[in-house]
Amino acid sequence: MPNTPDLQPRVATDTGRPLVVVRGKAEIQPFITNAVWTSDASTSFQLNTRCQDFITRYLGRSLITADDPNMIQVNRKLLELTFSYPFLMHASLAVALSYDRHLNGSLDCRRTLEECYHWSQSTVLFNKRLREPIKTKDKDPIWGTAAALAILTFSSPDACTPEQAWPLKHSSSESSELDWLRMSNGKMALWDMVNPLRPDSLFRVMEATFAYMNSPFPEAGIDGIPQALAAVCNLKDSSSTTQTNPYFHAAHALSQMLEISDSEVTTGPTQLFMRTIHGPFKDLLLKRDPVALLLLYLWYRKASRSIWWIELRARVECPSICLYLRFYHEDNAAVQAFLPGGALADMWD
C-alpha cells in the first residue's frame, strides 16, 4: 500500500544518506548495501559479487588437501584474516581462481586475467609489507600469503600443451626453468622470521606435517627403495650415499611416497621430494638427465592424483617429460620400462 513507510520515496540529504518519511516525520536511514571490504591501514579493496561467490564456494574449506582436518582449520582461520590483510585476500582469491581452473579440467591450464590481477596485487602489497616492521599479529597472514604465492607459481605453467612445456621446450634462460622451485624456497626463507610453529601460530596444528617435510634421510643404503627403481638410479646397498649418488635422496623420498595410498598423499610427502631438488640433483634436472627426469615424472604421477595444484602443472609437464624421454632416450631400456606401455609401467600406476 502507498502509505507503508518502507515504500515511501527516498530523497538525498546533504550528507548523502537517504531520507525516508515514517509516520509523517523525515528520518535519516542507513545505507542498505552488500559491500564487502578487505582493508588495512594503507590499502582497501571492495569485493565484487564474483569475489564474494568464490569466497563462499572455495575459501570456506581447505583448498590444499580437502580431507585434512588440520588444513580445514587453518584455512578457516586464514579466511577471517583476509578481511584485515588485503595482500592475503588477493592471494586467496587467486588460489580460488586457480582451483577453479583445476575443476574445469581442460588441458589449457594457463592462468586467467582475473587470476593474474589478484596474483599481481598480492605480490605488490606483500613485498611492500615485508619492507615494514613485522608484528606478531602479522606473522600468520605473511606465512599464509607466502604459501599461497608458492602454490600459484607451481600451478601456473606457461604452456597449454606438452610440446610447449618443459622439458620439451627449450627456454632461452635456464633461470625460467623450475621457476616454481625458487618460489617454494623463497617461502621457506621466511621461516625464521614468522616461525609457523610458535605457540600462538594458527599453523602450529601442522607440526606433524612440517616434521615429515624435514625428516632425515638414511645416511646410506637402499632399504625401502623398490629394486627396479634402485637399479635405474644405479643405487647399490650400503655403498650408496648422497655423496656417491646424486639420485640418493630423491629416490628415497619418492619411495616413501609410493608406499602411501593415493588418498593419503598430503603436503608432507610431496614436499619431502621437493626438498631434494637442489645441488647435483637439481643440476641434472636442468640438464635434462634421463634418470632425474624419470624420478620427477614418477613423482608427478603419484602426487597429482591427490594434490590439485600439482595436477595443474602435471597436465602438461608430465606428458612432456614422457615425450622427451621417448624421443631423446629411446635406447635407454631401463628408463623406457617405467613409461606407459613399458614392462614396469603397471607397477607404478
Protein backbone atom coordinates (compact mmCIF):
# COMPACT_ATOMS: atom_id res chain seq x y z
CA MET A 1 0.00 0.00 0.00
CA PRO A 2 1.26 3.52 -0.75
CA ASN A 3 1.16 4.58 2.91
CA THR A 4 3.53 1.82 4.01
CA PRO A 5 6.73 3.57 5.28
CA ASP A 6 9.16 1.20 3.52
CA LEU A 7 7.62 2.07 0.17
CA GLN A 8 7.83 5.86 0.55
CA PRO A 9 10.15 7.59 -1.92
CA ARG A 10 13.65 8.34 -0.69
CA VAL A 11 15.36 11.68 -1.14
CA ALA A 12 19.02 12.56 -0.66
CA THR A 13 20.13 14.60 2.34
CA ASP A 14 23.08 16.95 2.44
CA THR A 15 25.11 14.13 3.97
CA GLY A 16 24.29 11.81 1.09
CA ARG A 17 22.37 9.45 3.41
CA PRO A 18 18.81 8.52 2.38
CA LEU A 19 15.79 10.22 3.94
CA VAL A 20 12.51 8.35 4.38
CA VAL A 21 9.15 9.54 5.70
CA VAL A 22 8.00 7.46 8.68
CA ARG A 23 4.73 8.34 10.40
CA GLY A 24 4.82 11.85 8.96
CA LYS A 25 8.42 12.53 10.07
CA ALA A 26 11.55 12.64 7.94
CA GLU A 27 14.20 10.27 9.36
CA ILE A 28 17.70 9.56 8.11
CA GLN A 29 18.18 5.88 7.30
CA PRO A 30 21.45 3.94 6.96
CA PHE A 31 22.52 2.76 3.53
CA ILE A 32 21.40 -0.72 2.54
CA THR A 33 24.42 -2.39 0.97
CA ASN A 34 26.02 -5.78 0.44
CA ALA A 35 29.52 -4.32 0.08
CA VAL A 36 32.32 -6.49 1.47
CA TRP A 37 35.76 -5.00 2.03
CA THR A 38 39.26 -6.05 2.92
CA SER A 39 41.37 -3.24 4.30
CA ASP A 40 44.33 -2.35 6.46
CA ALA A 41 45.95 0.95 7.41
CA SER A 42 47.10 1.72 3.88
CA THR A 43 45.05 -0.36 1.41
CA SER A 44 41.45 -1.34 0.81
CA PHE A 45 39.66 -3.45 -1.78
CA GLN A 46 35.92 -3.92 -2.29
CA LEU A 47 34.95 -7.43 -3.30
CA ASN A 48 32.53 -7.66 -6.19
CA THR A 49 29.82 -10.30 -6.45
CA ARG A 50 32.13 -12.79 -8.18
CA CYS A 51 34.80 -12.45 -5.47
CA GLN A 52 32.17 -12.94 -2.78
CA ASP A 53 30.92 -16.03 -4.62
CA PHE A 54 34.42 -17.51 -4.75
CA ILE A 55 34.90 -16.91 -1.03
CA THR A 56 31.64 -18.71 -0.30
CA ARG A 57 32.35 -21.51 -2.76
CA TYR A 58 36.01 -22.23 -2.12
CA LEU A 59 37.68 -20.33 0.71
CA GLY A 60 35.48 -21.65 3.50
CA ARG A 61 37.21 -25.02 3.23
CA SER A 62 40.69 -26.36 2.64
CA LEU A 63 41.92 -25.91 -0.91
CA ILE A 64 45.26 -27.60 -0.31
CA THR A 65 44.20 -31.01 0.97
CA ALA A 66 40.42 -31.24 1.19
CA ASP A 67 40.24 -34.14 3.68
CA ASP A 68 42.90 -32.91 6.10
CA PRO A 69 41.11 -31.61 9.24
CA ASN A 70 44.16 -29.57 10.25
CA MET A 71 44.24 -27.78 6.92
CA ILE A 72 40.50 -27.12 7.08
CA GLN A 73 41.03 -25.49 10.47
CA VAL A 74 43.94 -23.42 9.15
CA ASN A 75 42.00 -22.33 6.09
CA ARG A 76 39.00 -21.13 8.10
CA LYS A 77 41.19 -19.02 10.37
CA LEU A 78 43.06 -17.60 7.39
CA LEU A 79 39.73 -16.67 5.82
CA GLU A 80 38.97 -14.49 8.83
CA LEU A 81 42.33 -12.75 8.44
CA THR A 82 41.81 -11.98 4.74
CA PHE A 83 39.41 -9.15 5.61
CA SER A 84 42.16 -7.34 7.54
CA TYR A 85 45.06 -8.12 5.19
CA PRO A 86 44.42 -7.21 1.52
CA PHE A 87 47.59 -8.97 0.34
CA LEU A 88 46.26 -12.21 1.85
CA MET A 89 42.79 -11.64 0.36
CA HIS A 90 44.19 -11.12 -3.15
CA ALA A 91 46.41 -14.20 -2.80
CA SER A 92 43.48 -16.27 -1.52
CA LEU A 93 41.23 -15.18 -4.38
CA ALA A 94 43.96 -16.02 -6.89
CA VAL A 95 44.30 -19.51 -5.37
CA ALA A 96 40.50 -19.94 -5.54
CA LEU A 97 40.58 -18.95 -9.23
CA SER A 98 43.44 -21.38 -9.80
CA TYR A 99 41.43 -24.13 -8.11
CA ASP A 100 38.52 -23.27 -10.40
CA ARG A 101 40.87 -23.81 -13.36
CA HIS A 102 41.67 -27.23 -11.95
CA LEU A 103 37.98 -28.12 -11.74
CA ASN A 104 37.43 -27.09 -15.37
CA GLY A 105 39.69 -29.98 -16.35
CA SER A 106 40.87 -28.62 -19.71
CA LEU A 107 44.40 -29.24 -20.95
CA ASP A 108 44.94 -25.48 -21.25
CA CYS A 109 45.88 -24.77 -17.63
CA ARG A 110 47.24 -21.26 -18.10
CA ARG A 111 46.08 -18.67 -15.58
CA THR A 112 43.24 -16.27 -16.41
CA LEU A 113 43.49 -12.48 -16.49
CA GLU A 114 41.41 -12.27 -13.32
CA GLU A 115 43.77 -14.65 -11.55
CA CYS A 116 46.77 -12.65 -12.80
CA TYR A 117 45.24 -9.45 -11.42
CA HIS A 118 44.81 -10.80 -7.89
CA TRP A 119 48.20 -12.51 -8.01
CA SER A 120 49.86 -9.26 -9.09
CA GLN A 121 48.06 -7.19 -6.46
CA SER A 122 49.03 -9.64 -3.75
CA THR A 123 52.68 -9.66 -4.82
CA VAL A 124 52.94 -5.85 -4.85
CA LEU A 125 51.22 -5.41 -1.48
CA PHE A 126 53.12 -8.35 0.04
CA ASN A 127 56.53 -7.03 -0.98
CA LYS A 128 55.59 -3.62 0.41
CA ARG A 129 54.51 -5.18 3.71
CA LEU A 130 57.74 -7.17 4.06
CA ARG A 131 59.70 -3.90 3.98
CA GLU A 132 57.84 -2.69 7.08
CA PRO A 133 58.27 -3.77 10.74
CA ILE A 134 56.64 -7.17 11.33
CA LYS A 135 54.42 -7.51 14.38
CA THR A 136 53.40 -10.85 15.89
CA LYS A 137 49.82 -10.49 14.61
CA ASP A 138 51.18 -10.13 11.06
CA LYS A 139 53.15 -13.37 11.04
CA ASP A 140 50.33 -15.80 10.22
CA PRO A 141 48.96 -13.68 7.32
CA ILE A 142 52.51 -13.35 5.96
CA TRP A 143 53.15 -17.11 6.07
CA GLY A 144 49.71 -17.84 4.59
CA THR A 145 50.35 -15.42 1.73
CA ALA A 146 53.81 -16.89 1.05
CA ALA A 147 52.27 -20.37 0.88
CA ALA A 148 49.54 -19.14 -1.48
CA LEU A 149 52.06 -17.47 -3.79
CA ALA A 150 54.13 -20.67 -3.89
CA ILE A 151 51.01 -22.65 -4.87
CA LEU A 152 50.16 -20.09 -7.57
CA THR A 153 53.65 -20.29 -9.06
CA PHE A 154 53.55 -24.08 -9.16
CA SER A 155 50.02 -24.31 -10.58
CA SER A 156 50.67 -21.88 -13.44
CA PRO A 157 52.87 -23.34 -16.19
CA ASP A 158 53.34 -21.07 -19.19
CA ALA A 159 52.12 -23.77 -21.56
CA CYS A 160 48.87 -25.28 -22.76
CA THR A 161 50.27 -28.39 -24.49
CA PRO A 162 53.08 -30.85 -23.62
CA GLU A 163 55.02 -29.64 -26.66
CA GLN A 164 55.08 -26.10 -25.22
CA ALA A 165 56.14 -27.24 -21.74
CA TRP A 166 59.45 -28.04 -20.13
CA PRO A 167 61.49 -30.16 -20.80
CA LEU A 168 60.45 -30.43 -24.47
CA LYS A 169 60.51 -26.66 -24.84
CA HIS A 170 63.99 -25.19 -24.50
CA SER A 171 63.93 -21.84 -22.75
CA SER A 172 66.34 -19.06 -23.68
CA SER A 173 67.13 -18.72 -19.97
CA GLU A 174 67.86 -21.54 -17.58
CA SER A 175 66.55 -19.39 -14.72
CA SER A 176 62.99 -19.70 -16.07
CA GLU A 177 63.07 -23.49 -15.77
CA LEU A 178 61.96 -24.98 -12.45
CA ASP A 179 60.85 -21.44 -11.51
CA TRP A 180 58.28 -22.94 -9.12
CA LEU A 181 61.14 -24.28 -7.03
CA ARG A 182 62.55 -20.80 -6.39
CA MET A 183 59.22 -19.60 -5.03
CA SER A 184 58.99 -22.59 -2.72
CA ASN A 185 62.50 -21.89 -1.44
CA GLY A 186 61.60 -18.22 -1.03
CA LYS A 187 58.70 -19.17 1.23
CA MET A 188 61.00 -21.25 3.43
CA ALA A 189 63.35 -18.25 3.70
CA LEU A 190 60.65 -16.56 5.80
CA TRP A 191 60.54 -19.44 8.29
CA ASP A 192 62.82 -17.91 10.93
CA MET A 193 61.06 -14.55 10.73
CA VAL A 194 57.49 -15.83 11.21
CA ASN A 195 58.14 -19.21 12.92
CA PRO A 196 54.92 -21.04 11.94
CA LEU A 197 55.39 -23.41 14.90
CA ARG A 198 55.37 -20.72 17.62
CA PRO A 199 52.78 -21.37 20.36
CA ASP A 200 50.28 -18.74 19.17
CA SER A 201 50.52 -19.62 15.46
CA LEU A 202 47.45 -20.99 13.70
CA PHE A 203 49.85 -23.18 11.69
CA ARG A 204 51.01 -25.00 14.83
CA VAL A 205 48.44 -27.74 14.12
CA MET A 206 50.62 -28.62 11.10
CA GLU A 207 53.59 -29.53 13.30
CA ALA A 208 53.48 -33.18 12.19
CA THR A 209 53.39 -32.12 8.53
CA PHE A 210 56.39 -29.83 8.95
CA ALA A 211 58.22 -32.61 10.81
CA TYR A 212 57.56 -35.03 7.92
CA MET A 213 58.79 -32.47 5.38
CA ASN A 214 62.06 -32.10 7.29
CA SER A 215 62.54 -35.73 8.34
CA PRO A 216 66.10 -37.03 7.84
CA PHE A 217 67.04 -39.38 5.04
CA PRO A 218 69.06 -42.57 5.55
CA GLU A 219 72.78 -41.99 5.54
CA ALA A 220 73.41 -44.96 3.25
CA GLY A 221 71.80 -47.97 1.62
CA ILE A 222 68.68 -48.67 -0.40
CA ASP A 223 66.26 -50.01 2.21
CA GLY A 224 62.72 -49.13 1.16
CA ILE A 225 63.60 -48.38 -2.46
CA PRO A 226 61.98 -50.77 -4.98
CA GLN A 227 64.57 -52.90 -6.72
CA ALA A 228 63.73 -51.64 -10.20
CA LEU A 229 63.99 -48.00 -9.08
CA ALA A 230 67.30 -48.65 -7.31
CA ALA A 231 68.64 -50.29 -10.46
CA VAL A 232 67.73 -47.44 -12.82
CA CYS A 233 69.32 -44.99 -10.35
CA ASN A 234 72.42 -47.18 -10.03
CA LEU A 235 71.96 -47.37 -6.25
CA LYS A 236 73.79 -50.26 -4.55
CA ASP A 237 73.25 -51.44 -1.00
CA SER A 238 75.35 -49.78 1.72
CA SER A 239 77.82 -48.28 -0.74
CA SER A 240 75.25 -45.75 -1.95
CA THR A 241 75.14 -42.37 -0.22
CA THR A 242 74.23 -38.85 -1.21
CA GLN A 243 77.96 -38.22 -1.75
CA THR A 244 78.33 -41.12 -4.18
CA ASN A 245 74.98 -40.89 -5.99
CA PRO A 246 73.08 -37.68 -6.89
CA TYR A 247 69.74 -39.57 -7.01
CA PHE A 248 70.07 -40.95 -3.46
CA HIS A 249 67.77 -38.56 -1.56
CA ALA A 250 65.25 -38.16 -4.39
CA ALA A 251 64.89 -41.94 -4.77
CA HIS A 252 64.34 -42.35 -1.02
CA ALA A 253 61.77 -39.53 -0.89
CA LEU A 254 59.89 -40.88 -3.91
CA SER A 255 59.89 -44.42 -2.50
CA GLN A 256 58.36 -43.23 0.78
CA MET A 257 55.54 -41.54 -1.12
CA LEU A 258 54.94 -44.55 -3.35
CA GLU A 259 54.21 -46.64 -0.25
CA ILE A 260 51.29 -44.36 0.67
CA SER A 261 47.85 -44.83 -0.86
CA ASP A 262 46.76 -42.03 -3.18
CA SER A 263 44.06 -40.84 -0.78
CA GLU A 264 46.65 -40.35 1.99
CA VAL A 265 49.21 -38.39 -0.03
CA THR A 266 49.32 -34.93 1.56
CA THR A 267 51.61 -31.92 1.66
CA GLY A 268 54.26 -33.62 3.83
CA PRO A 269 55.26 -36.46 1.47
CA THR A 270 55.10 -34.26 -1.64
CA GLN A 271 57.24 -31.55 -0.05
CA LEU A 272 59.78 -34.13 1.11
CA PHE A 273 60.61 -34.90 -2.53
CA MET A 274 60.67 -31.20 -3.48
CA ARG A 275 63.20 -30.68 -0.69
CA THR A 276 65.66 -32.96 -2.53
CA ILE A 277 65.75 -30.75 -5.66
CA HIS A 278 68.97 -28.89 -5.03
CA GLY A 279 72.68 -29.31 -5.65
CA PRO A 280 73.78 -32.05 -8.08
CA PHE A 281 70.27 -33.48 -8.48
CA LYS A 282 68.83 -30.10 -9.47
CA ASP A 283 71.72 -29.60 -11.90
CA LEU A 284 70.90 -32.95 -13.52
CA LEU A 285 67.24 -31.95 -13.89
CA LEU A 286 68.20 -28.67 -15.57
CA LYS A 287 70.46 -30.65 -17.92
CA ARG A 288 67.52 -32.99 -18.68
CA ASP A 289 69.28 -36.06 -17.36
CA PRO A 290 67.00 -39.05 -18.15
CA VAL A 291 67.08 -40.64 -14.68
CA ALA A 292 66.48 -37.31 -12.91
CA LEU A 293 63.56 -36.63 -15.27
CA LEU A 294 62.17 -40.11 -14.63
CA LEU A 295 62.15 -39.50 -10.86
CA LEU A 296 60.32 -36.21 -11.38
CA TYR A 297 57.90 -37.91 -13.77
CA LEU A 298 57.07 -40.65 -11.23
CA TRP A 299 56.61 -38.01 -8.51
CA TYR A 300 54.22 -36.05 -10.75
CA ARG A 301 52.21 -39.21 -11.48
CA LYS A 302 51.78 -40.00 -7.79
CA ALA A 303 51.35 -36.52 -6.31
CA SER A 304 48.98 -35.20 -8.98
CA ARG A 305 46.34 -37.77 -8.10
CA SER A 306 45.79 -36.12 -4.72
CA ILE A 307 47.22 -32.58 -4.80
CA TRP A 308 45.26 -30.37 -7.21
CA TRP A 309 47.88 -27.64 -7.61
CA ILE A 310 50.46 -30.25 -8.60
CA GLU A 311 47.94 -31.79 -11.01
CA LEU A 312 47.61 -28.48 -12.87
CA ARG A 313 51.30 -28.44 -13.81
CA ALA A 314 51.44 -32.21 -14.24
CA ARG A 315 48.81 -31.97 -17.02
CA VAL A 316 51.45 -30.60 -19.37
CA GLU A 317 54.84 -31.32 -17.79
CA CYS A 318 54.23 -34.99 -17.05
CA PRO A 319 53.44 -35.91 -20.69
CA SER A 320 56.18 -33.51 -21.81
CA ILE A 321 58.75 -35.46 -19.77
CA CYS A 322 57.39 -38.72 -21.17
CA LEU A 323 57.63 -37.48 -24.76
CA TYR A 324 61.13 -36.12 -24.15
CA LEU A 325 62.37 -39.44 -22.77
CA ARG A 326 60.79 -41.39 -25.60
CA PHE A 327 62.29 -39.15 -28.26
CA TYR A 328 65.77 -38.43 -26.90
CA HIS A 329 66.44 -41.57 -24.83
CA GLU A 330 64.69 -44.28 -26.79
CA ASP A 331 67.69 -46.58 -26.38
CA ASN A 332 67.63 -46.39 -22.56
CA ALA A 333 65.66 -49.56 -21.87
CA ALA A 334 65.78 -49.15 -18.09
CA VAL A 335 64.09 -45.74 -18.28
CA GLN A 336 61.62 -46.77 -21.00
CA ALA A 337 60.39 -49.64 -18.85
CA PHE A 338 58.75 -47.16 -16.44
CA LEU A 339 56.88 -45.22 -19.13
CA PRO A 340 53.33 -46.09 -20.35
CA GLY A 341 53.46 -49.36 -22.26
CA GLY A 342 56.76 -50.37 -20.64
CA ALA A 343 57.34 -53.58 -18.73
CA LEU A 344 57.20 -51.83 -15.33
CA ALA A 345 54.53 -49.22 -16.08
CA ASP A 346 51.65 -51.09 -14.42
CA MET A 347 53.62 -51.35 -11.16
CA TRP A 348 53.71 -47.54 -10.84
CA ASP A 349 50.06 -46.77 -11.59
